[in-house]
Amino acid sequence: MSIYAVHKIAQRLRKDTAFAERMRQDPSAAIADLPLTDQERRAVLDGDVGRLAELGAHGYLLGAFAQQRVVGVTMANYVQRIHDPGSTA
C-alpha cells in the first residue's frame, strides 16, 4: 500500500502553498504523478479522509486537507468525514 504518498500529500499541503493552490484548482493534476492506489486516489479526490484513515493514514496529518480547504474538506466537516468514511457532508 502507498499510504506514504497520502502522508506526503498532507505534508506538502502544510508546507507548499503552490501545491495547496493546485489542489484547490485541479486536484487530479496535482496528484497525477504520485504513486497512489486507485482506492487512495479516489479517496483523496473525494475528500474522503475517513476512508484514508481506514487505509492507514494518520488523522493528524489528514487535518491538512481541512486546514488548506482542499477537495471539499473544511474545518467544519472534517470531524464528520473522519468518523464517517464515505461521507461527503
PDB file of N, CA and C in Angstrom:
ATOM      1  N   MET A   1       0.851  -1.175   0.000  1.00  0.00           N
ATOM      2  CA  MET A   1       0.000   0.000   0.000  1.00  0.00           C
ATOM      3  C   MET A   1       0.894   1.234   0.000  1.00  0.00           C
ATOM      4  N   SER A   2       0.409   2.297  -0.584  1.00  0.00           N
ATOM      5  CA  SER A   2       1.205   3.506  -0.753  1.00  0.00           C
ATOM      6  C   SER A   2       0.754   4.639   0.162  1.00  0.00           C
ATOM      7  N   ILE A   3       0.280   4.316   1.338  1.00  0.00           N
ATOM      8  CA  ILE A   3      -0.233   5.350   2.239  1.00  0.00           C
ATOM      9  C   ILE A   3       0.823   6.424   2.511  1.00  0.00           C
ATOM     10  N   TYR A   4       2.081   6.070   2.322  1.00  0.00           N
ATOM     11  CA  TYR A   4       3.158   7.045   2.457  1.00  0.00           C
ATOM     12  C   TYR A   4       2.905   8.239   1.523  1.00  0.00           C
ATOM     13  N   ALA A   5       2.413   7.967   0.312  1.00  0.00           N
ATOM     14  CA  ALA A   5       2.133   9.042  -0.641  1.00  0.00           C
ATOM     15  C   ALA A   5       1.017   9.953  -0.129  1.00  0.00           C
ATOM     16  N   VAL A   6       0.038   9.391   0.565  1.00  0.00           N
ATOM     17  CA  VAL A   6      -1.030  10.200   1.158  1.00  0.00           C
ATOM     18  C   VAL A   6      -0.438  11.111   2.231  1.00  0.00           C
ATOM     19  N   HIS A   7       0.463  10.579   3.031  1.00  0.00           N
ATOM     20  CA  HIS A   7       1.130  11.386   4.055  1.00  0.00           C
ATOM     21  C   HIS A   7       1.945  12.508   3.402  1.00  0.00           C
ATOM     22  N   LYS A   8       2.587  12.206   2.267  1.00  0.00           N
ATOM     23  CA  LYS A   8       3.367  13.227   1.572  1.00  0.00           C
ATOM     24  C   LYS A   8       2.459  14.339   1.051  1.00  0.00           C
ATOM     25  N   ILE A   9       1.263  13.987   0.564  1.00  0.00           N
ATOM     26  CA  ILE A   9       0.305  14.999   0.126  1.00  0.00           C
ATOM     27  C   ILE A   9      -0.016  15.925   1.288  1.00  0.00           C
ATOM     28  N   ALA A  10      -0.312  15.334   2.444  1.00  0.00           N
ATOM     29  CA  ALA A  10      -0.655  16.128   3.627  1.00  0.00           C
ATOM     30  C   ALA A  10       0.496  17.039   4.026  1.00  0.00           C
ATOM     31  N   GLN A  11       1.712  16.522   4.013  1.00  0.00           N
ATOM     32  CA  GLN A  11       2.863  17.344   4.373  1.00  0.00           C
ATOM     33  C   GLN A  11       3.070  18.470   3.376  1.00  0.00           C
ATOM     34  N   ARG A  12       2.895  18.175   2.105  1.00  0.00           N
ATOM     35  CA  ARG A  12       3.048  19.212   1.083  1.00  0.00           C
ATOM     36  C   ARG A  12       1.966  20.278   1.224  1.00  0.00           C
ATOM     37  N   LEU A  13       0.757  19.875   1.595  1.00  0.00           N
ATOM     38  CA  LEU A  13      -0.309  20.850   1.807  1.00  0.00           C
ATOM     39  C   LEU A  13       0.080  21.840   2.891  1.00  0.00           C
ATOM     40  N   ARG A  14       0.746  21.367   3.922  1.00  0.00           N
ATOM     41  CA  ARG A  14       1.156  22.223   5.041  1.00  0.00           C
ATOM     42  C   ARG A  14       2.306  23.158   4.678  1.00  0.00           C
ATOM     43  N   LYS A  15       3.203  22.690   3.815  1.00  0.00           N
ATOM     44  CA  LYS A  15       4.456  23.417   3.597  1.00  0.00           C
ATOM     45  C   LYS A  15       4.584  24.101   2.242  1.00  0.00           C
ATOM     46  N   ASP A  16       3.806  23.679   1.264  1.00  0.00           N
ATOM     47  CA  ASP A  16       3.988  24.150  -0.108  1.00  0.00           C
ATOM     48  C   ASP A  16       2.711  24.848  -0.571  1.00  0.00           C
ATOM     49  N   THR A  17       2.707  26.179  -0.495  1.00  0.00           N
ATOM     50  CA  THR A  17       1.492  26.925  -0.827  1.00  0.00           C
ATOM     51  C   THR A  17       1.100  26.761  -2.299  1.00  0.00           C
ATOM     52  N   ALA A  18       2.072  26.611  -3.183  1.00  0.00           N
ATOM     53  CA  ALA A  18       1.757  26.417  -4.603  1.00  0.00           C
ATOM     54  C   ALA A  18       1.052  25.072  -4.809  1.00  0.00           C
ATOM     55  N   PHE A  19       1.512  24.036  -4.109  1.00  0.00           N
ATOM     56  CA  PHE A  19       0.857  22.729  -4.209  1.00  0.00           C
ATOM     57  C   PHE A  19      -0.563  22.810  -3.647  1.00  0.00           C
ATOM     58  N   ALA A  20      -0.732  23.480  -2.530  1.00  0.00           N
ATOM     59  CA  ALA A  20      -2.069  23.627  -1.933  1.00  0.00           C
ATOM     60  C   ALA A  20      -3.005  24.334  -2.912  1.00  0.00           C
ATOM     61  N   GLU A  21      -2.514  25.333  -3.600  1.00  0.00           N
ATOM     62  CA  GLU A  21      -3.341  26.039  -4.578  1.00  0.00           C
ATOM     63  C   GLU A  21      -3.682  25.122  -5.756  1.00  0.00           C
ATOM     64  N   ARG A  22      -2.727  24.315  -6.206  1.00  0.00           N
ATOM     65  CA  ARG A  22      -3.012  23.349  -7.279  1.00  0.00           C
ATOM     66  C   ARG A  22      -4.063  22.344  -6.825  1.00  0.00           C
ATOM     67  N   MET A  23      -4.010  21.949  -5.555  1.00  0.00           N
ATOM     68  CA  MET A  23      -5.011  21.015  -5.022  1.00  0.00           C
ATOM     69  C   MET A  23      -6.394  21.658  -4.990  1.00  0.00           C
ATOM     70  N   ARG A  24      -6.461  22.959  -4.794  1.00  0.00           N
ATOM     71  CA  ARG A  24      -7.747  23.656  -4.815  1.00  0.00           C
ATOM     72  C   ARG A  24      -8.265  23.808  -6.256  1.00  0.00           C
ATOM     73  N   GLN A  25      -7.364  24.080  -7.184  1.00  0.00           N
ATOM     74  CA  GLN A  25      -7.752  24.365  -8.562  1.00  0.00           C
ATOM     75  C   GLN A  25      -7.973  23.106  -9.399  1.00  0.00           C
ATOM     76  N   ASP A  26      -7.047  22.155  -9.322  1.00  0.00           N
ATOM     77  CA  ASP A  26      -7.112  20.946 -10.154  1.00  0.00           C
ATOM     78  C   ASP A  26      -6.451  19.784  -9.402  1.00  0.00           C
ATOM     79  N   PRO A  27      -7.162  19.220  -8.426  1.00  0.00           N
ATOM     80  CA  PRO A  27      -6.552  18.175  -7.603  1.00  0.00           C
ATOM     81  C   PRO A  27      -6.104  16.948  -8.400  1.00  0.00           C
ATOM     82  N   SER A  28      -6.827  16.583  -9.438  1.00  0.00           N
ATOM     83  CA  SER A  28      -6.420  15.421 -10.248  1.00  0.00           C
ATOM     84  C   SER A  28      -5.033  15.629 -10.837  1.00  0.00           C
ATOM     85  N   ALA A  29      -4.799  16.801 -11.389  1.00  0.00           N
ATOM     86  CA  ALA A  29      -3.497  17.104 -11.974  1.00  0.00           C
ATOM     87  C   ALA A  29      -2.418  17.206 -10.894  1.00  0.00           C
ATOM     88  N   ALA A  30      -2.773  17.762  -9.753  1.00  0.00           N
ATOM     89  CA  ALA A  30      -1.797  17.954  -8.671  1.00  0.00           C
ATOM     90  C   ALA A  30      -1.236  16.634  -8.154  1.00  0.00           C
ATOM     91  N   ILE A  31      -2.065  15.584  -8.175  1.00  0.00           N
ATOM     92  CA  ILE A  31      -1.602  14.296  -7.634  1.00  0.00           C
ATOM     93  C   ILE A  31      -1.366  13.247  -8.721  1.00  0.00           C
ATOM     94  N   ALA A  32      -1.428  13.654  -9.982  1.00  0.00           N
ATOM     95  CA  ALA A  32      -1.345  12.710 -11.105  1.00  0.00           C
ATOM     96  C   ALA A  32      -0.093  11.843 -11.083  1.00  0.00           C
ATOM     97  N   ASP A  33       1.032  12.401 -10.682  1.00  0.00           N
ATOM     98  CA  ASP A  33       2.290  11.650 -10.747  1.00  0.00           C
ATOM     99  C   ASP A  33       2.636  10.914  -9.447  1.00  0.00           C
ATOM    100  N   LEU A  34       1.751  10.939  -8.473  1.00  0.00           N
ATOM    101  CA  LEU A  34       2.040  10.286  -7.191  1.00  0.00           C
ATOM    102  C   LEU A  34       1.656   8.806  -7.235  1.00  0.00           C
ATOM    103  N   PRO A  35       2.441   7.973  -6.555  1.00  0.00           N
ATOM    104  CA  PRO A  35       2.195   6.522  -6.573  1.00  0.00           C
ATOM    105  C   PRO A  35       1.094   6.107  -5.598  1.00  0.00           C
ATOM    106  N   LEU A  36      -0.144   6.407  -5.970  1.00  0.00           N
ATOM    107  CA  LEU A  36      -1.300   6.056  -5.144  1.00  0.00           C
ATOM    108  C   LEU A  36      -2.021   4.873  -5.762  1.00  0.00           C
ATOM    109  N   THR A  37      -2.647   4.073  -4.914  1.00  0.00           N
ATOM    110  CA  THR A  37      -3.518   3.034  -5.448  1.00  0.00           C
ATOM    111  C   THR A  37      -4.772   3.726  -5.988  1.00  0.00           C
ATOM    112  N   ASP A  38      -5.548   3.027  -6.789  1.00  0.00           N
ATOM    113  CA  ASP A  38      -6.794   3.607  -7.297  1.00  0.00           C
ATOM    114  C   ASP A  38      -7.710   4.006  -6.147  1.00  0.00           C
ATOM    115  N   GLN A  39      -7.754   3.161  -5.117  1.00  0.00           N
ATOM    116  CA  GLN A  39      -8.613   3.429  -3.955  1.00  0.00           C
ATOM    117  C   GLN A  39      -8.157   4.688  -3.221  1.00  0.00           C
ATOM    118  N   GLU A  40      -6.868   4.837  -3.030  1.00  0.00           N
ATOM    119  CA  GLU A  40      -6.334   6.026  -2.362  1.00  0.00           C
ATOM    120  C   GLU A  40      -6.583   7.280  -3.191  1.00  0.00           C
ATOM    121  N   ARG A  41      -6.326   7.181  -4.484  1.00  0.00           N
ATOM    122  CA  ARG A  41      -6.525   8.332  -5.371  1.00  0.00           C
ATOM    123  C   ARG A  41      -7.981   8.792  -5.333  1.00  0.00           C
ATOM    124  N   ARG A  42      -8.900   7.847  -5.420  1.00  0.00           N
ATOM    125  CA  ARG A  42     -10.329   8.162  -5.373  1.00  0.00           C
ATOM    126  C   ARG A  42     -10.682   8.834  -4.046  1.00  0.00           C
ATOM    127  N   ALA A  43     -10.171   8.285  -2.932  1.00  0.00           N
ATOM    128  CA  ALA A  43     -10.465   8.849  -1.610  1.00  0.00           C
ATOM    129  C   ALA A  43      -9.898  10.262  -1.475  1.00  0.00           C
ATOM    130  N   VAL A  44      -8.680  10.482  -1.973  1.00  0.00           N
ATOM    131  CA  VAL A  44      -8.092  11.829  -1.923  1.00  0.00           C
ATOM    132  C   VAL A  44      -8.958  12.799  -2.711  1.00  0.00           C
ATOM    133  N   LEU A  45      -9.295  12.433  -3.937  1.00  0.00           N
ATOM    134  CA  LEU A  45     -10.062  13.334  -4.802  1.00  0.00           C
ATOM    135  C   LEU A  45     -11.472  13.571  -4.292  1.00  0.00           C
ATOM    136  N   ASP A  46     -12.029  12.587  -3.582  1.00  0.00           N
ATOM    137  CA  ASP A  46     -13.360  12.737  -2.991  1.00  0.00           C
ATOM    138  C   ASP A  46     -13.324  13.464  -1.654  1.00  0.00           C
ATOM    139  N   GLY A  47     -12.126  13.710  -1.120  1.00  0.00           N
ATOM    140  CA  GLY A  47     -12.023  14.320   0.204  1.00  0.00           C
ATOM    141  C   GLY A  47     -12.490  13.374   1.291  1.00  0.00           C
ATOM    142  N   ASP A  48     -12.373  12.075   1.038  1.00  0.00           N
ATOM    143  CA  ASP A  48     -12.845  11.057   1.981  1.00  0.00           C
ATOM    144  C   ASP A  48     -11.732  10.729   2.987  1.00  0.00           C
ATOM    145  N   VAL A  49     -11.525  11.659   3.924  1.00  0.00           N
ATOM    146  CA  VAL A  49     -10.469  11.475   4.918  1.00  0.00           C
ATOM    147  C   VAL A  49     -10.758  10.283   5.825  1.00  0.00           C
ATOM    148  N   GLY A  50     -12.016   9.945   6.005  1.00  0.00           N
ATOM    149  CA  GLY A  50     -12.366   8.772   6.803  1.00  0.00           C
ATOM    150  C   GLY A  50     -11.865   7.496   6.161  1.00  0.00           C
ATOM    151  N   ARG A  51     -12.037   7.377   4.861  1.00  0.00           N
ATOM    152  CA  ARG A  51     -11.545   6.203   4.149  1.00  0.00           C
ATOM    153  C   ARG A  51     -10.023   6.176   4.164  1.00  0.00           C
ATOM    154  N   LEU A  52      -9.394   7.323   3.986  1.00  0.00           N
ATOM    155  CA  LEU A  52      -7.936   7.378   4.050  1.00  0.00           C
ATOM    156  C   LEU A  52      -7.436   6.929   5.423  1.00  0.00           C
ATOM    157  N   ALA A  53      -8.140   7.326   6.473  1.00  0.00           N
ATOM    158  CA  ALA A  53      -7.774   6.888   7.824  1.00  0.00           C
ATOM    159  C   ALA A  53      -7.923   5.374   7.954  1.00  0.00           C
ATOM    160  N   GLU A  54      -9.008   4.837   7.395  1.00  0.00           N
ATOM    161  CA  GLU A  54      -9.190   3.380   7.425  1.00  0.00           C
ATOM    162  C   GLU A  54      -8.054   2.659   6.699  1.00  0.00           C
ATOM    163  N   LEU A  55      -7.540   3.287   5.660  1.00  0.00           N
ATOM    164  CA  LEU A  55      -6.454   2.683   4.886  1.00  0.00           C
ATOM    165  C   LEU A  55      -5.102   2.826   5.579  1.00  0.00           C
ATOM    166  N   GLY A  56      -5.072   3.595   6.670  1.00  0.00           N
ATOM    167  CA  GLY A  56      -3.838   3.700   7.450  1.00  0.00           C
ATOM    168  C   GLY A  56      -3.247   5.088   7.561  1.00  0.00           C
ATOM    169  N   ALA A  57      -3.847   6.076   6.913  1.00  0.00           N
ATOM    170  CA  ALA A  57      -3.326   7.441   7.029  1.00  0.00           C
ATOM    171  C   ALA A  57      -3.602   7.980   8.432  1.00  0.00           C
ATOM    172  N   HIS A  58      -2.694   8.761   8.917  1.00  0.00           N
ATOM    173  CA  HIS A  58      -2.801   9.316  10.261  1.00  0.00           C
ATOM    174  C   HIS A  58      -3.750  10.520  10.267  1.00  0.00           C
ATOM    175  N   GLY A  59      -4.698  10.515  11.173  1.00  0.00           N
ATOM    176  CA  GLY A  59      -5.700  11.570  11.275  1.00  0.00           C
ATOM    177  C   GLY A  59      -5.112  12.954  11.466  1.00  0.00           C
ATOM    178  N   TYR A  60      -4.029  13.052  12.222  1.00  0.00           N
ATOM    179  CA  TYR A  60      -3.399  14.350  12.426  1.00  0.00           C
ATOM    180  C   TYR A  60      -2.921  14.922  11.096  1.00  0.00           C
ATOM    181  N   LEU A  61      -2.266  14.089  10.293  1.00  0.00           N
ATOM    182  CA  LEU A  61      -1.777  14.563   9.004  1.00  0.00           C
ATOM    183  C   LEU A  61      -2.922  14.895   8.051  1.00  0.00           C
ATOM    184  N   LEU A  62      -3.986  14.115   8.117  1.00  0.00           N
ATOM    185  CA  LEU A  62      -5.135  14.362   7.250  1.00  0.00           C
ATOM    186  C   LEU A  62      -5.798  15.701   7.548  1.00  0.00           C
ATOM    187  N   GLY A  63      -5.567  16.224   8.738  1.00  0.00           N
ATOM    188  CA  GLY A  63      -6.102  17.533   9.094  1.00  0.00           C
ATOM    189  C   GLY A  63      -5.635  18.631   8.152  1.00  0.00           C
ATOM    190  N   ALA A  64      -4.526  18.408   7.449  1.00  0.00           N
ATOM    191  CA  ALA A  64      -4.036  19.398   6.485  1.00  0.00           C
ATOM    192  C   ALA A  64      -5.037  19.623   5.361  1.00  0.00           C
ATOM    193  N   PHE A  65      -5.807  18.593   5.018  1.00  0.00           N
ATOM    194  CA  PHE A  65      -6.831  18.759   3.980  1.00  0.00           C
ATOM    195  C   PHE A  65      -7.847  19.813   4.413  1.00  0.00           C
ATOM    196  N   ALA A  66      -8.223  19.769   5.690  1.00  0.00           N
ATOM    197  CA  ALA A  66      -9.182  20.740   6.223  1.00  0.00           C
ATOM    198  C   ALA A  66      -8.541  22.110   6.383  1.00  0.00           C
ATOM    199  N   GLN A  67      -7.331  22.150   6.890  1.00  0.00           N
ATOM    200  CA  GLN A  67      -6.664  23.430   7.112  1.00  0.00           C
ATOM    201  C   GLN A  67      -6.469  24.198   5.813  1.00  0.00           C
ATOM    202  N   GLN A  68      -6.212  23.478   4.744  1.00  0.00           N
ATOM    203  CA  GLN A  68      -5.993  24.124   3.455  1.00  0.00           C
ATOM    204  C   GLN A  68      -7.264  24.182   2.595  1.00  0.00           C
ATOM    205  N   ARG A  69      -8.352  23.608   3.112  1.00  0.00           N
ATOM    206  CA  ARG A  69      -9.644  23.614   2.413  1.00  0.00           C
ATOM    207  C   ARG A  69      -9.528  23.109   0.979  1.00  0.00           C
ATOM    208  N   VAL A  70      -9.069  21.865   0.870  1.00  0.00           N
ATOM    209  CA  VAL A  70      -8.947  21.228  -0.444  1.00  0.00           C
ATOM    210  C   VAL A  70      -9.915  20.063  -0.554  1.00  0.00           C
ATOM    211  N   VAL A  71     -10.257  19.708  -1.769  1.00  0.00           N
ATOM    212  CA  VAL A  71     -11.143  18.588  -2.128  1.00  0.00           C
ATOM    213  C   VAL A  71     -12.406  18.517  -1.264  1.00  0.00           C
ATOM    214  N   GLY A  72     -12.930  19.682  -0.926  1.00  0.00           N
ATOM    215  CA  GLY A  72     -14.188  19.749  -0.198  1.00  0.00           C
ATOM    216  C   GLY A  72     -14.096  19.542   1.303  1.00  0.00           C
ATOM    217  N   VAL A  73     -12.899  19.384   1.831  1.00  0.00           N
ATOM    218  CA  VAL A  73     -12.734  19.181   3.273  1.00  0.00           C
ATOM    219  C   VAL A  73     -12.482  20.535   3.934  1.00  0.00           C
ATOM    220  N   THR A  74     -13.260  20.817   4.958  1.00  0.00           N
ATOM    221  CA  THR A  74     -13.120  22.067   5.713  1.00  0.00           C
ATOM    222  C   THR A  74     -13.010  21.732   7.197  1.00  0.00           C
ATOM    223  N   MET A  75     -12.670  22.723   7.983  1.00  0.00           N
ATOM    224  CA  MET A  75     -12.618  22.503   9.430  1.00  0.00           C
ATOM    225  C   MET A  75     -14.014  22.142   9.947  1.00  0.00           C
ATOM    226  N   ALA A  76     -15.052  22.677   9.316  1.00  0.00           N
ATOM    227  CA  ALA A  76     -16.422  22.424   9.755  1.00  0.00           C
ATOM    228  C   ALA A  76     -16.883  20.994   9.487  1.00  0.00           C
ATOM    229  N   ASN A  77     -16.376  20.354   8.415  1.00  0.00           N
ATOM    230  CA  ASN A  77     -16.853  18.995   8.108  1.00  0.00           C
ATOM    231  C   ASN A  77     -15.816  17.899   8.346  1.00  0.00           C
ATOM    232  N   TYR A  78     -14.609  18.273   8.741  1.00  0.00           N
ATOM    233  CA  TYR A  78     -13.541  17.279   8.926  1.00  0.00           C
ATOM    234  C   TYR A  78     -13.921  16.186   9.931  1.00  0.00           C
ATOM    235  N   VAL A  79     -14.419  16.560  11.081  1.00  0.00           N
ATOM    236  CA  VAL A  79     -14.733  15.576  12.127  1.00  0.00           C
ATOM    237  C   VAL A  79     -15.795  14.597  11.634  1.00  0.00           C
ATOM    238  N   GLN A  80     -16.817  15.110  10.971  1.00  0.00           N
ATOM    239  CA  GLN A  80     -17.856  14.240  10.412  1.00  0.00           C
ATOM    240  C   GLN A  80     -17.245  13.258   9.413  1.00  0.00           C
ATOM    241  N   ARG A  81     -16.433  13.764   8.516  1.00  0.00           N
ATOM    242  CA  ARG A  81     -15.844  12.907   7.480  1.00  0.00           C
ATOM    243  C   ARG A  81     -14.858  11.902   8.049  1.00  0.00           C
ATOM    244  N   ILE A  82     -14.071  12.282   9.026  1.00  0.00           N
ATOM    245  CA  ILE A  82     -13.069  11.358   9.566  1.00  0.00           C
ATOM    246  C   ILE A  82     -13.732  10.200  10.282  1.00  0.00           C
ATOM    247  N   HIS A  83     -14.912  10.449  10.881  1.00  0.00           N
ATOM    248  CA  HIS A  83     -15.614   9.399  11.624  1.00  0.00           C
ATOM    249  C   HIS A  83     -16.637   8.654  10.789  1.00  0.00           C
ATOM    250  N   ASP A  84     -16.909   9.132   9.573  1.00  0.00           N
ATOM    251  CA  ASP A  84     -17.917   8.518   8.726  1.00  0.00           C
ATOM    252  C   ASP A  84     -17.374   8.349   7.318  1.00  0.00           C
ATOM    253  N   PRO A  85     -16.510   7.328   7.105  1.00  0.00           N
ATOM    254  CA  PRO A  85     -15.940   7.103   5.789  1.00  0.00           C
ATOM    255  C   PRO A  85     -17.025   7.035   4.720  1.00  0.00           C
ATOM    256  N   GLY A  86     -16.754   7.661   3.600  1.00  0.00           N
ATOM    257  CA  GLY A  86     -17.731   7.709   2.515  1.00  0.00           C
ATOM    258  C   GLY A  86     -18.624   8.925   2.581  1.00  0.00           C
ATOM    259  N   SER A  87     -18.584   9.631   3.707  1.00  0.00           N
ATOM    260  CA  SER A  87     -19.422  10.812   3.882  1.00  0.00           C
ATOM    261  C   SER A  87     -18.825  11.991   3.127  1.00  0.00           C
ATOM    262  N   THR A  88     -19.663  12.732   2.481  1.00  0.00           N
ATOM    263  CA  THR A  88     -19.243  13.976   1.857  1.00  0.00           C
ATOM    264  C   THR A  88     -19.976  15.150   2.468  1.00  0.00           C
ATOM    265  N   ALA A  89     -20.378  14.961   3.736  1.00  0.00           N
ATOM    266  CA  ALA A  89     -21.108  16.007   4.467  1.00  0.00           C
ATOM    267  C   ALA A  89     -20.184  17.157   4.782  1.00  0.00           C
TER     268      ALA A  89
END
